[in-house]
């Protein structure tokens, strides 16, 4: 059965967004990396005809995602194993260097440098 009363609500990502969350009736149905925004939007539109309820495609920072899920930063970090912490550090460093190599936006490149500096990976003078 196809419903024609549903819609998809979405806003494009803004700086700081690293996740895309898809919801139906306020319930989380998918969490994807922000690189998959277009895919999430296409999936939402493809599914829209199959439900009566609005589908929302929300871009979020880590803090926003944790708040949406009812998890504090302290609880998130406290439950992290050393191996996961090291892997997240590696991913963050790799992501920052990708930004430095591939991004033309000076403010984004500066943010990547700031992150690398705060992590102690590079020294800024």
Protein backbone atom coordinates (compact mmCIF):
# COMPACT_ATOMS: atom_id res chain seq x y z
CA UNK A 1 0.00 0.00 0.00
CA UNK A 2 1.35 3.45 -0.88
CA UNK A 3 0.64 6.50 1.26
CA UNK A 4 0.78 9.91 -0.35
CA UNK A 5 0.52 11.98 2.81
CA UNK A 6 4.12 11.67 4.04
CA UNK A 7 7.00 14.01 3.45
CA UNK A 8 10.72 14.27 4.02
CA UNK A 9 12.09 17.18 6.06
CA UNK A 10 15.83 17.86 5.82
CA UNK A 11 18.38 20.62 6.06
CA UNK A 12 21.86 20.40 4.54
CA UNK A 13 24.84 19.78 6.81
CA UNK A 14 26.61 22.69 8.47
CA UNK A 15 30.19 22.88 9.76
CA UNK A 16 30.59 20.59 12.76
CA UNK A 17 28.03 18.02 11.61
CA UNK A 18 29.54 14.55 11.46
CA UNK A 19 26.45 12.33 11.55
CA UNK A 20 23.17 12.14 9.68
CA UNK A 21 20.24 10.73 11.66
CA UNK A 22 17.01 9.60 10.03
CA UNK A 23 13.86 9.54 12.17
CA UNK A 24 10.25 8.52 11.71
CA UNK A 25 7.81 9.75 14.36
CA UNK A 26 10.77 10.98 16.39
CA UNK A 27 12.28 7.50 16.55
CA UNK A 28 15.79 6.97 15.28
CA UNK A 29 15.85 4.54 12.35
CA UNK A 30 19.38 5.16 11.05
CA UNK A 31 22.62 6.87 12.05
CA UNK A 32 25.22 7.32 9.32
CA UNK A 33 28.40 9.33 8.79
CA UNK A 34 27.79 12.76 7.28
CA UNK A 35 29.47 11.61 4.07
CA UNK A 36 26.32 9.51 3.52
CA UNK A 37 23.97 12.53 3.69
CA UNK A 38 22.87 12.31 0.04
CA UNK A 39 22.34 8.55 0.38
CA UNK A 40 20.27 9.05 3.55
CA UNK A 41 18.18 11.70 1.81
CA UNK A 42 17.60 9.48 -1.25
CA UNK A 43 16.60 6.56 0.99
CA UNK A 44 14.18 8.78 2.93
CA UNK A 45 12.55 9.99 -0.29
CA UNK A 46 12.33 6.43 -1.62
CA UNK A 47 10.67 5.27 1.60
CA UNK A 48 8.39 8.31 2.00
CA UNK A 49 5.61 6.80 -0.08
CA UNK A 50 5.47 3.79 2.23
CA UNK A 51 4.54 5.60 5.45
CA UNK A 52 2.02 8.14 6.65
CA UNK A 53 4.53 9.75 8.97
CA UNK A 54 7.04 12.49 8.18
CA UNK A 55 10.63 11.36 7.78
CA UNK A 56 13.31 13.69 9.11
CA UNK A 57 16.91 13.66 7.97
CA UNK A 58 18.90 15.48 10.66
CA UNK A 59 22.57 16.43 10.53
CA UNK A 60 24.27 16.44 13.94
CA UNK A 61 27.55 16.98 15.72
CA UNK A 62 28.72 14.32 18.18
CA UNK A 63 27.38 16.36 21.12
CA UNK A 64 23.99 16.73 19.43
CA UNK A 65 23.82 13.01 18.62
CA UNK A 66 24.68 12.02 22.19
CA UNK A 67 22.09 14.47 23.57
CA UNK A 68 19.51 13.12 21.11
CA UNK A 69 20.27 9.61 22.38
CA UNK A 70 20.18 10.72 26.03
CA UNK A 71 23.89 10.06 26.64
CA UNK A 72 26.19 12.54 28.34
CA UNK A 73 29.73 13.14 27.08
CA UNK A 74 31.02 11.91 30.45
CA UNK A 75 29.10 8.62 30.16
CA UNK A 76 30.21 8.20 26.54
CA UNK A 77 33.88 8.63 27.45
CA UNK A 78 33.65 6.61 30.68
CA UNK A 79 32.39 3.52 28.84
CA UNK A 80 35.13 3.65 26.22
CA UNK A 81 37.81 0.97 26.23
CA UNK A 82 41.43 1.98 25.68
CA UNK A 83 41.38 0.21 22.31
CA UNK A 84 38.32 2.19 21.17
CA UNK A 85 39.87 5.40 22.46
CA UNK A 86 43.02 4.74 20.42
CA UNK A 87 40.98 3.92 17.32
CA UNK A 88 38.92 7.12 17.66
CA UNK A 89 42.13 9.09 18.04
CA UNK A 90 43.54 7.48 14.89
CA UNK A 91 40.33 8.22 12.95
CA UNK A 92 40.31 11.83 14.16
CA UNK A 93 43.93 12.38 13.13
CA UNK A 94 43.38 10.71 9.77
CA UNK A 95 40.24 12.79 9.18
CA UNK A 96 42.03 16.03 10.02
CA UNK A 97 44.86 15.24 7.61
CA UNK A 98 42.31 14.40 4.91
CA UNK A 99 40.74 17.82 5.47
CA UNK A 100 44.16 19.49 5.23
CA UNK A 101 44.87 17.69 1.93
CA UNK A 102 41.47 17.96 0.27
CA UNK A 103 39.44 20.87 1.65
CA UNK A 104 39.64 24.33 0.09
CA UNK A 105 37.75 26.11 2.90
CA UNK A 106 40.30 27.96 5.07
CA UNK A 107 38.05 27.94 8.15
CA UNK A 108 37.65 24.15 7.97
CA UNK A 109 41.39 23.69 7.46
CA UNK A 110 42.05 25.94 10.48
CA UNK A 111 39.62 23.88 12.57
CA UNK A 112 41.50 20.70 11.59
CA UNK A 113 44.79 22.31 12.62
CA UNK A 114 43.26 23.34 15.95
CA UNK A 115 42.04 19.79 16.61
CA UNK A 116 45.47 18.33 15.79
CA UNK A 117 47.09 20.90 18.08
CA UNK A 118 44.69 20.21 20.98
CA UNK A 119 45.33 16.49 20.57
CA UNK A 120 49.05 17.18 20.95
CA UNK A 121 49.75 15.76 17.51
CA UNK A 122 51.26 18.98 16.16
CA UNK A 123 52.74 22.06 17.83
CA UNK A 124 51.66 25.49 16.76
CA UNK A 125 53.86 28.42 17.43
